[in-house]
Amino acid sequence: MISRLWNCLPAIVRGILVAELVVSIGAIPPSVAVILNMRTSSIPWMVVVTAGWLWFFWWYLSGHGWPRSTAQARRRDLRAPSLSKRAWAWALIAGALGITGTIAMAFATARLAHLPREAFAAPIDFSKYPTLLVVSAVACISATAGVVEEAGFRGFLISPIQRRYGWTIAILISGIMFFLDHHLSHAYATFAFLPFFLAISVVHGLLVKYSGSIRPSMLLHAVADFIVIPVSYGLVGSFSVQSLSVASIDRQFMICVAVIAICFASFVPALRALGARSKPVAESGRPTQDFQSG
């Protein structure tokens, strides 16, 4: 009965519900570990807890554990087959270009969004804690975002929608939900940043489409967050949020625009090269059928 009722729901609704469940559950243990560790100890035990949880989280979503009746569906909708070395190389090249362009887009948007610098501030005062503890906290946050958000938004959300409506609708819905989740939890994520969240979702969504796996997106997402979070929180370097309505276009803004143009223009041919060379690798180590032909 429950299975029949579930299958009666539209694919978009099913994808959103499962993705939100995956993202919500996946983020809780690492978040609790980071908070407790920061409050109680200078020894970064949060790293061990986060690594253990993410391993179990990935193990379960990959089709292991109970109930066995959902194992195949979990493995299928996670979209995480192994990739060949050349597919990995082109996925990292294409992804790095696309993500660099969208990061530059975020910094440019900060000049247009009319937001105070406090909107980008860290939820806690990191200056009170040892450097090792801060680095460990940022690493745990970044790794969790990479694994959990890509599994949810580019795996379990995209999969049922893509099968029913195609890639364009699936990536669009993924981008909207990705924005709404951040809009509700991050002060800076106003509607001015909607184009940025749609753009980053397009980059990750196309990486999944052309590589056949969320693995490159997971790695790139985690690395990008590890680099950007310290900058946005003011831990490393600084960036301007002064509105262009009260200040003239300066060198920093022009650099962002140039990076956006160069990276996005280079992203397209790199993505095509990825699609031409990408064959997911089965557990046996042999290439499987080309993902895009399925």
Protein backbone atom coordinates (compact mmCIF):
# COMPACT_ATOMS: atom_id res chain seq x y z
CA MET A 1 0.00 0.00 0.00
CA ILE A 2 2.72 2.47 0.99
CA SER A 3 4.72 1.56 -2.12
CA ARG A 4 1.72 2.15 -4.38
CA LEU A 5 0.95 5.49 -2.77
CA TRP A 6 4.58 6.55 -3.08
CA ASN A 7 4.69 5.64 -6.77
CA CYS A 8 1.51 7.68 -7.34
CA LEU A 9 3.32 10.86 -6.32
CA PRO A 10 4.78 12.98 -9.16
CA ALA A 11 8.47 12.35 -9.81
CA ILE A 12 9.31 15.94 -8.85
CA VAL A 13 7.65 15.55 -5.45
CA ARG A 14 9.34 12.20 -4.80
CA GLY A 15 12.73 13.58 -5.78
CA ILE A 16 12.39 16.64 -3.54
CA LEU A 17 11.19 14.64 -0.53
CA VAL A 18 13.97 12.05 -0.74
CA ALA A 19 16.65 14.68 -1.39
CA GLU A 20 15.59 16.79 1.59
CA LEU A 21 15.54 13.69 3.79
CA VAL A 22 19.02 12.68 2.63
CA VAL A 23 20.46 16.19 3.10
CA SER A 24 18.82 16.71 6.50
CA ILE A 25 19.85 13.37 7.99
CA GLY A 26 23.31 13.44 6.43
CA ALA A 27 24.24 16.82 7.90
CA ILE A 28 23.11 16.25 11.50
CA PRO A 29 25.90 14.07 13.03
CA PRO A 30 28.82 16.13 11.60
CA SER A 31 27.12 19.40 12.62
CA VAL A 32 26.59 18.16 16.17
CA ALA A 33 30.18 16.87 16.33
CA VAL A 34 31.61 20.22 15.19
CA ILE A 35 29.53 22.20 17.70
CA LEU A 36 30.31 19.90 20.64
CA ASN A 37 34.00 19.69 19.77
CA MET A 38 34.34 23.48 19.51
CA ARG A 39 32.66 23.91 22.90
CA THR A 40 34.37 21.17 24.86
CA SER A 41 37.85 20.31 23.55
CA SER A 42 40.86 21.61 21.62
CA ILE A 43 41.49 18.09 20.24
CA PRO A 44 39.75 17.83 16.82
CA TRP A 45 37.92 14.54 17.38
CA MET A 46 35.19 15.90 15.10
CA VAL A 47 37.28 14.74 12.13
CA VAL A 48 37.04 11.10 13.19
CA VAL A 49 33.30 11.34 13.85
CA THR A 50 32.65 13.10 10.54
CA ALA A 51 34.78 10.65 8.54
CA GLY A 52 33.09 7.65 10.17
CA TRP A 53 29.62 9.04 9.61
CA LEU A 54 30.24 9.96 5.97
CA TRP A 55 31.64 6.48 5.33
CA PHE A 56 28.50 4.89 6.81
CA PHE A 57 26.24 7.39 5.00
CA TRP A 58 27.89 6.57 1.66
CA TRP A 59 27.86 2.83 2.38
CA TYR A 60 24.12 2.90 3.05
CA LEU A 61 23.16 5.09 0.08
CA SER A 62 25.28 2.87 -2.17
CA GLY A 63 22.81 0.03 -1.62
CA HIS A 64 23.99 -1.70 1.54
CA GLY A 65 22.06 -2.29 4.74
CA TRP A 66 18.37 -2.60 5.49
CA PRO A 67 15.89 -2.76 3.86
CA ARG A 68 17.19 -4.89 1.03
CA SER A 69 14.07 -4.10 -0.99
CA THR A 70 15.37 -0.54 -1.57
CA ALA A 71 19.03 -1.46 -2.15
CA GLN A 72 18.87 -1.39 -5.94
CA ALA A 73 16.92 1.88 -6.01
CA ARG A 74 19.39 3.52 -3.61
CA ARG A 75 22.36 2.44 -5.69
CA ARG A 76 20.68 3.57 -8.92
CA ASP A 77 19.51 6.99 -7.73
CA LEU A 78 22.77 7.85 -5.96
CA ARG A 79 24.42 7.84 -9.41
CA ALA A 80 27.89 7.04 -8.13
CA PRO A 81 29.66 4.47 -10.35
CA SER A 82 33.44 4.55 -10.45
CA LEU A 83 35.07 6.35 -13.36
CA SER A 84 38.06 5.73 -15.57
CA LYS A 85 41.20 7.81 -15.00
CA ARG A 86 40.69 9.87 -18.15
CA ALA A 87 37.07 10.55 -17.24
CA TRP A 88 38.23 11.72 -13.82
CA ALA A 89 40.84 13.99 -15.41
CA TRP A 90 38.38 15.69 -17.75
CA ALA A 91 35.70 15.89 -15.05
CA LEU A 92 38.12 17.69 -12.74
CA ILE A 93 39.23 20.05 -15.51
CA ALA A 94 35.68 20.88 -16.57
CA GLY A 95 34.42 21.08 -13.01
CA ALA A 96 37.28 23.31 -11.84
CA LEU A 97 36.57 25.72 -14.69
CA GLY A 98 32.84 25.79 -14.05
CA ILE A 99 33.14 26.16 -10.28
CA THR A 100 35.81 28.87 -10.55
CA GLY A 101 33.49 30.80 -12.84
CA THR A 102 30.57 30.48 -10.43
CA ILE A 103 32.71 31.50 -7.43
CA ALA A 104 33.70 34.63 -9.34
CA MET A 105 29.99 35.10 -10.05
CA ALA A 106 29.27 34.93 -6.29
CA PHE A 107 31.88 37.60 -5.50
CA ALA A 108 30.48 39.81 -8.28
CA THR A 109 26.95 39.27 -6.97
CA ALA A 110 28.07 40.40 -3.52
CA ARG A 111 28.72 43.82 -5.11
CA LEU A 112 25.19 43.95 -6.48
CA ALA A 113 23.14 42.47 -3.64
CA HIS A 114 23.14 45.45 -1.24
CA LEU A 115 24.06 43.23 1.72
CA PRO A 116 26.10 44.17 4.79
CA ARG A 117 29.40 42.38 5.42
CA GLU A 118 27.75 40.73 8.46
CA ALA A 119 25.55 38.68 6.12
CA PHE A 120 28.67 36.66 5.20
CA ALA A 121 29.94 36.32 8.77
CA ALA A 122 30.62 32.97 10.43
CA PRO A 123 27.97 31.68 12.85
CA ILE A 124 30.62 31.59 15.60
CA ASP A 125 33.70 33.64 16.41
CA PHE A 126 36.51 31.45 15.10
CA SER A 127 39.15 33.83 16.43
CA LYS A 128 38.62 32.37 19.92
CA TYR A 129 39.75 28.89 18.88
CA PRO A 130 43.10 27.24 18.00
CA THR A 131 44.02 27.17 14.32
CA LEU A 132 43.99 23.36 14.14
CA LEU A 133 40.45 23.27 15.53
CA VAL A 134 39.25 25.90 13.04
CA VAL A 135 40.86 24.13 10.07
CA SER A 136 39.32 20.83 11.22
CA ALA A 137 35.89 22.43 11.56
CA VAL A 138 36.08 23.92 8.05
CA ALA A 139 37.26 20.56 6.68
CA CYS A 140 34.36 18.72 8.33
CA ILE A 141 31.82 21.28 7.09
CA SER A 142 33.25 21.15 3.56
CA ALA A 143 33.46 17.36 3.35
CA THR A 144 29.92 17.00 4.67
CA ALA A 145 28.59 19.51 2.15
CA GLY A 146 30.37 17.76 -0.71
CA VAL A 147 29.13 14.27 0.10
CA VAL A 148 25.68 15.00 1.52
CA GLU A 149 24.54 17.81 -0.78
CA GLU A 150 25.72 16.14 -3.97
CA ALA A 151 24.13 12.83 -2.95
CA GLY A 152 20.89 14.64 -2.20
CA PHE A 153 20.61 17.30 -4.89
CA ARG A 154 22.57 15.74 -7.76
CA GLY A 155 21.77 12.13 -6.95
CA PHE A 156 18.42 11.43 -5.34
CA LEU A 157 16.71 14.62 -6.52
CA ILE A 158 17.88 14.62 -10.13
CA SER A 159 17.48 10.89 -10.80
CA PRO A 160 13.67 10.39 -10.72
CA ILE A 161 13.00 13.78 -12.33
CA GLN A 162 15.51 13.14 -15.12
CA ARG A 163 13.94 9.76 -15.92
CA ARG A 164 10.49 11.36 -16.18
CA TYR A 165 11.13 14.86 -17.55
CA GLY A 166 14.71 14.94 -18.85
CA TRP A 167 17.91 16.65 -17.78
CA THR A 168 16.87 20.29 -18.23
CA ILE A 169 13.93 20.11 -15.82
CA ALA A 170 15.89 17.93 -13.39
CA ILE A 171 18.82 20.35 -13.18
CA LEU A 172 16.48 23.36 -12.91
CA ILE A 173 14.55 21.81 -9.99
CA SER A 174 17.85 20.84 -8.37
CA GLY A 175 19.05 24.43 -8.60
CA ILE A 176 15.86 25.87 -7.16
CA MET A 177 15.90 23.49 -4.19
CA PHE A 178 19.62 24.06 -3.67
CA PHE A 179 18.93 27.79 -3.44
CA LEU A 180 15.91 27.43 -1.14
CA ASP A 181 17.87 25.26 1.30
CA HIS A 182 20.60 27.92 1.53
CA HIS A 183 18.07 30.76 1.53
CA LEU A 184 16.55 29.37 4.72
CA SER A 185 19.87 28.78 6.49
CA HIS A 186 22.31 31.46 5.26
CA ALA A 187 21.82 35.22 5.67
CA TYR A 188 23.62 36.10 2.42
CA ALA A 189 21.51 33.77 0.25
CA THR A 190 18.91 36.35 -0.77
CA PHE A 191 17.15 36.21 -4.12
CA ALA A 192 20.01 38.26 -5.57
CA PHE A 193 22.06 35.06 -5.28
CA LEU A 194 19.49 32.88 -7.07
CA PRO A 195 21.41 33.10 -10.40
CA PHE A 196 24.57 31.94 -8.61
CA PHE A 197 22.85 28.90 -7.09
CA LEU A 198 21.26 28.04 -10.44
CA ALA A 199 24.65 28.38 -12.15
CA ILE A 200 26.50 26.18 -9.66
CA SER A 201 23.72 23.61 -9.93
CA VAL A 202 24.02 23.64 -13.71
CA VAL A 203 27.78 23.04 -13.43
CA HIS A 204 27.35 20.10 -11.05
CA GLY A 205 24.33 18.75 -12.91
CA LEU A 206 26.17 18.75 -16.25
CA LEU A 207 29.18 17.08 -14.64
CA VAL A 208 26.87 14.29 -13.50
CA LYS A 209 25.22 14.06 -16.90
CA TYR A 210 28.44 13.89 -18.90
CA SER A 211 30.53 11.82 -16.48
CA GLY A 212 27.72 9.52 -15.31
CA SER A 213 28.70 9.89 -11.66
CA ILE A 214 28.38 12.34 -8.75
CA ARG A 215 31.90 11.48 -7.54
CA PRO A 216 33.71 14.37 -9.32
CA SER A 217 31.08 16.84 -8.11
CA MET A 218 31.45 15.60 -4.55
CA LEU A 219 35.21 16.13 -4.55
CA LEU A 220 35.05 19.51 -6.29
CA HIS A 221 32.23 20.72 -4.05
CA ALA A 222 34.18 19.83 -0.90
CA VAL A 223 37.43 21.41 -2.15
CA ALA A 224 35.65 24.58 -3.28
CA ASP A 225 33.93 24.98 0.09
CA PHE A 226 37.22 24.40 1.93
CA ILE A 227 38.76 27.26 -0.06
CA VAL A 228 35.80 29.67 -0.14
CA ILE A 229 34.44 29.30 3.41
CA PRO A 230 37.53 30.84 5.09
CA VAL A 231 37.39 33.76 2.64
CA SER A 232 33.66 34.38 3.05
CA TYR A 233 33.99 34.16 6.85
CA GLY A 234 36.92 36.59 6.81
CA LEU A 235 39.40 34.02 8.16
CA VAL A 236 41.68 34.32 5.13
CA GLY A 237 41.91 37.40 2.93
CA SER A 238 38.94 39.65 2.28
CA PHE A 239 36.51 40.64 -0.45
CA SER A 240 34.46 43.74 -1.05
CA VAL A 241 30.70 43.87 -0.61
CA GLN A 242 30.46 47.59 -1.35
CA SER A 243 27.50 48.12 -3.67
CA LEU A 244 28.26 49.34 -7.17
CA SER A 245 25.37 51.77 -6.74
CA VAL A 246 27.52 53.82 -4.35
CA ALA A 247 30.97 53.00 -5.75
CA SER A 248 32.38 52.89 -9.24
CA ILE A 249 33.31 49.67 -10.99
CA ASP A 250 36.75 48.77 -9.69
CA ARG A 251 39.56 46.36 -10.56
CA GLN A 252 38.26 43.57 -8.30
CA PHE A 253 34.85 43.57 -9.98
CA MET A 254 36.36 43.61 -13.47
CA ILE A 255 38.60 40.66 -12.58
CA CYS A 256 35.52 38.72 -11.44
CA VAL A 257 33.74 39.48 -14.72
CA ALA A 258 36.79 38.41 -16.74
CA VAL A 259 37.13 35.15 -14.77
CA ILE A 260 33.42 34.41 -15.30
CA ALA A 261 33.71 34.90 -19.07
CA ILE A 262 36.94 32.90 -19.47
CA CYS A 263 35.93 30.00 -17.23
CA PHE A 264 32.43 29.57 -18.64
CA ALA A 265 33.73 29.76 -22.22
CA SER A 266 36.33 27.07 -21.41
CA PHE A 267 33.85 24.95 -19.45
CA VAL A 268 31.83 24.02 -22.55
CA PRO A 269 34.63 22.40 -24.62
CA ALA A 270 36.00 20.69 -21.52
CA LEU A 271 32.55 19.27 -20.84
CA ARG A 272 32.33 17.98 -24.40
CA ALA A 273 35.73 16.33 -24.02
CA LEU A 274 34.49 14.72 -20.80
CA GLY A 275 31.39 13.37 -22.55
CA ALA A 276 33.49 11.92 -25.37
CA ARG A 277 35.79 10.07 -22.99
CA SER A 278 33.56 9.20 -20.07
CA LYS A 279 32.69 5.60 -19.38
CA PRO A 280 31.69 4.71 -15.79
CA VAL A 281 33.76 1.81 -14.43
CA ALA A 282 32.01 -1.13 -12.83
CA GLU A 283 33.11 -2.64 -9.52
CA SER A 284 35.08 -5.24 -11.46
CA GLY A 285 37.21 -2.44 -12.88
CA ARG A 286 35.93 -2.88 -16.45
CA PRO A 287 34.22 0.00 -18.27
CA THR A 288 30.44 -0.27 -18.28
CA GLN A 289 28.11 0.82 -21.05
CA ASP A 290 28.35 4.54 -21.79
CA PHE A 291 26.11 6.32 -19.25
CA GLN A 292 24.59 8.68 -21.80
CA SER A 293 23.39 5.85 -23.99
CA GLY A 294 21.26 4.47 -21.18
